[in-house]
């Protein structure tokens, strides 16, 4: 009886370990998707900054041209 109970405990411990592994794997996937989201946000930020830069350069160029006109 004790041996059977020990077998059941070992089995439940195995299930707990398996579910822990699955959780760990899921956490890894979540971490990866978070990194991807972070990277995507970085790219969006970069695009936004470059658009701002282009806009700023264009504005300065137009101002400079208007300033140069007689």
N, C-alpha and C. Protein backbone atom coordinates (compact mmCIF):
# COMPACT_ATOMS: atom_id res chain seq x y z
N UNK A 1 0.84 -1.20 0.00
CA UNK A 1 0.00 0.00 0.00
C UNK A 1 0.88 1.25 0.00
N UNK A 2 1.91 1.21 0.81
CA UNK A 2 2.80 2.36 0.90
C UNK A 2 3.53 2.54 -0.42
N UNK A 3 3.91 1.39 -1.03
CA UNK A 3 4.61 1.44 -2.31
C UNK A 3 3.70 2.05 -3.39
N UNK A 4 2.43 1.69 -3.37
CA UNK A 4 1.47 2.22 -4.34
C UNK A 4 1.31 3.73 -4.14
N UNK A 5 1.18 4.14 -2.87
CA UNK A 5 1.05 5.58 -2.55
C UNK A 5 2.28 6.35 -3.02
N UNK A 6 3.45 5.75 -2.86
CA UNK A 6 4.70 6.38 -3.29
C UNK A 6 4.71 6.53 -4.82
N UNK A 7 4.20 5.49 -5.51
CA UNK A 7 4.09 5.53 -6.98
C UNK A 7 3.17 6.64 -7.43
N UNK A 8 2.04 6.82 -6.73
CA UNK A 8 1.08 7.88 -7.07
C UNK A 8 1.72 9.25 -6.84
N UNK A 9 2.45 9.40 -5.74
CA UNK A 9 3.12 10.67 -5.43
C UNK A 9 4.15 11.00 -6.51
N UNK A 10 4.91 9.94 -6.90
CA UNK A 10 5.91 10.11 -7.95
C UNK A 10 5.24 10.52 -9.26
N UNK A 11 4.09 9.90 -9.56
CA UNK A 11 3.36 10.21 -10.79
C UNK A 11 2.86 11.65 -10.76
N UNK A 12 2.29 12.07 -9.63
CA UNK A 12 1.78 13.44 -9.52
C UNK A 12 2.93 14.45 -9.57
N UNK A 13 4.07 14.06 -9.01
CA UNK A 13 5.25 14.91 -9.08
C UNK A 13 5.69 15.06 -10.53
N UNK A 14 5.62 13.95 -11.29
CA UNK A 14 5.94 13.98 -12.73
C UNK A 14 5.01 14.91 -13.49
N UNK A 15 3.72 14.86 -13.16
CA UNK A 15 2.72 15.72 -13.80
C UNK A 15 3.01 17.18 -13.48
N UNK A 16 3.34 17.44 -12.20
CA UNK A 16 3.66 18.81 -11.78
C UNK A 16 4.88 19.32 -12.54
N UNK A 17 5.88 18.44 -12.68
CA UNK A 17 7.11 18.81 -13.39
C UNK A 17 6.81 19.09 -14.86
N UNK A 18 5.96 18.24 -15.46
CA UNK A 18 5.59 18.42 -16.87
C UNK A 18 4.85 19.74 -17.06
N UNK A 19 3.92 20.04 -16.17
CA UNK A 19 3.16 21.29 -16.28
C UNK A 19 4.08 22.49 -16.05
N UNK A 20 5.07 22.32 -15.18
CA UNK A 20 6.05 23.38 -14.95
C UNK A 20 6.85 23.64 -16.23
N UNK A 21 7.24 22.56 -16.90
CA UNK A 21 7.99 22.67 -18.17
C UNK A 21 7.15 23.41 -19.21
N UNK A 22 5.86 23.05 -19.29
CA UNK A 22 4.95 23.68 -20.24
C UNK A 22 4.83 25.17 -19.91
N UNK A 23 4.70 25.49 -18.62
CA UNK A 23 4.60 26.88 -18.19
C UNK A 23 5.87 27.64 -18.58
N UNK A 24 7.02 27.00 -18.33
CA UNK A 24 8.31 27.59 -18.69
C UNK A 24 8.37 27.85 -20.18
N UNK A 25 7.92 26.88 -20.97
CA UNK A 25 7.91 27.02 -22.43
C UNK A 25 7.00 28.17 -22.83
N UNK A 26 5.82 28.22 -22.24
CA UNK A 26 4.86 29.30 -22.51
C UNK A 26 5.44 30.65 -22.14
N UNK A 27 6.16 30.69 -21.03
CA UNK A 27 6.80 31.93 -20.59
C UNK A 27 7.87 32.35 -21.60
N UNK A 28 8.60 31.35 -22.13
CA UNK A 28 9.59 31.62 -23.17
C UNK A 28 8.95 32.24 -24.40
N UNK A 29 7.81 31.69 -24.81
CA UNK A 29 7.09 32.19 -25.97
C UNK A 29 6.62 33.62 -25.71
N UNK A 30 6.09 33.85 -24.51
CA UNK A 30 5.62 35.19 -24.14
C UNK A 30 6.77 36.18 -24.17
N UNK A 31 7.94 35.72 -23.67
CA UNK A 31 9.13 36.58 -23.66
C UNK A 31 9.56 36.93 -25.07
N UNK A 32 9.53 35.92 -25.94
CA UNK A 32 9.90 36.14 -27.34
C UNK A 32 8.95 37.13 -27.99
N UNK A 33 7.64 36.92 -27.79
CA UNK A 33 6.66 37.82 -28.39
C UNK A 33 6.80 39.23 -27.82
N UNK A 34 7.18 39.33 -26.54
CA UNK A 34 7.41 40.63 -25.93
C UNK A 34 8.61 41.31 -26.59
N UNK A 35 9.67 40.54 -26.83
CA UNK A 35 10.87 41.07 -27.51
C UNK A 35 10.51 41.55 -28.91
N UNK A 36 9.68 40.76 -29.62
CA UNK A 36 9.26 41.12 -30.97
C UNK A 36 8.45 42.41 -30.93
N UNK A 37 7.54 42.50 -29.95
CA UNK A 37 6.72 43.71 -29.81
C UNK A 37 7.61 44.92 -29.52
N UNK A 38 8.62 44.70 -28.64
CA UNK A 38 9.56 45.76 -28.30
C UNK A 38 10.32 46.20 -29.54
N UNK A 39 10.76 45.22 -30.34
CA UNK A 39 11.50 45.50 -31.57
C UNK A 39 10.60 46.28 -32.54
N UNK A 40 9.35 45.82 -32.67
CA UNK A 40 8.39 46.51 -33.54
C UNK A 40 8.16 47.93 -33.08
N UNK A 41 8.08 48.14 -31.78
CA UNK A 41 7.89 49.48 -31.23
C UNK A 41 9.11 50.33 -31.54
N UNK A 42 10.31 49.72 -31.45
CA UNK A 42 11.55 50.43 -31.78
C UNK A 42 11.56 50.88 -33.23
N UNK A 43 11.11 49.99 -34.12
CA UNK A 43 11.06 50.31 -35.55
C UNK A 43 10.06 51.44 -35.80
N UNK A 44 8.91 51.35 -35.15
CA UNK A 44 7.88 52.40 -35.30
C UNK A 44 8.43 53.73 -34.82
N UNK A 45 9.13 53.69 -33.68
CA UNK A 45 9.73 54.88 -33.11
C UNK A 45 10.74 55.48 -34.08
N UNK A 46 11.55 54.60 -34.68
CA UNK A 46 12.57 55.01 -35.64
C UNK A 46 11.93 55.67 -36.86
N UNK A 47 10.86 55.04 -37.36
CA UNK A 47 10.14 55.58 -38.52
C UNK A 47 9.57 56.95 -38.17
N UNK A 48 8.98 57.05 -36.99
CA UNK A 48 8.39 58.31 -36.54
C UNK A 48 9.46 59.39 -36.44
N UNK A 49 10.62 59.02 -35.87
CA UNK A 49 11.73 59.98 -35.74
C UNK A 49 12.25 60.42 -37.09
N UNK A 50 12.39 59.46 -38.03
CA UNK A 50 12.90 59.80 -39.37
C UNK A 50 11.90 60.68 -40.11
N UNK A 51 10.60 60.43 -39.91
CA UNK A 51 9.58 61.27 -40.53
C UNK A 51 9.68 62.69 -39.97
N UNK A 52 9.86 62.78 -38.65
CA UNK A 52 10.02 64.08 -38.01
C UNK A 52 11.24 64.80 -38.54
N UNK A 53 12.33 64.04 -38.72
CA UNK A 53 13.58 64.61 -39.22
C UNK A 53 13.39 65.13 -40.64
N UNK A 54 12.74 64.32 -41.49
CA UNK A 54 12.48 64.73 -42.88
C UNK A 54 11.61 65.98 -42.89
N UNK A 55 10.59 65.99 -42.04
CA UNK A 55 9.69 67.13 -41.95
C UNK A 55 10.45 68.38 -41.52
N UNK A 56 11.31 68.20 -40.52
CA UNK A 56 12.10 69.31 -39.98
C UNK A 56 13.07 69.85 -41.04
N UNK A 57 13.73 68.94 -41.75
CA UNK A 57 14.67 69.36 -42.81
C UNK A 57 13.93 70.10 -43.93
N UNK A 58 12.77 69.55 -44.31
CA UNK A 58 11.96 70.20 -45.35
C UNK A 58 11.53 71.59 -44.93
N UNK A 59 11.11 71.73 -43.68
CA UNK A 59 10.67 73.02 -43.15
C UNK A 59 11.82 74.02 -43.16
N UNK A 60 12.99 73.55 -42.72
CA UNK A 60 14.17 74.43 -42.69
C UNK A 60 14.58 74.84 -44.10
N UNK A 61 14.50 73.88 -45.03
CA UNK A 61 14.86 74.16 -46.42
C UNK A 61 13.91 75.21 -47.00
N UNK A 62 12.60 75.05 -46.74
CA UNK A 62 11.62 76.02 -47.24
C UNK A 62 11.85 77.39 -46.61
N UNK A 63 12.13 77.40 -45.32
CA UNK A 63 12.41 78.66 -44.64
C UNK A 63 13.65 79.32 -45.23
N UNK A 64 14.68 78.49 -45.47
CA UNK A 64 15.93 79.00 -46.04
C UNK A 64 15.69 79.57 -47.43
N UNK A 65 14.86 78.87 -48.26
CA UNK A 65 14.55 79.34 -49.62
C UNK A 65 13.77 80.64 -49.56
N UNK A 66 12.81 80.73 -48.67
CA UNK A 66 12.02 81.95 -48.53
C UNK A 66 12.91 83.10 -48.08
N UNK A 67 13.85 82.76 -47.23
CA UNK A 67 14.77 83.76 -46.71
C UNK A 67 15.70 84.27 -47.82
N UNK A 68 16.06 83.36 -48.76
CA UNK A 68 16.99 83.71 -49.85
C UNK A 68 16.30 84.51 -50.96
N UNK A 69 14.98 84.40 -51.05
CA UNK A 69 14.27 85.12 -52.11
C UNK A 69 14.40 86.63 -51.91
N UNK A 70 14.55 87.38 -52.99
CA UNK A 70 14.70 88.84 -52.87
C UNK A 70 13.39 89.51 -52.46
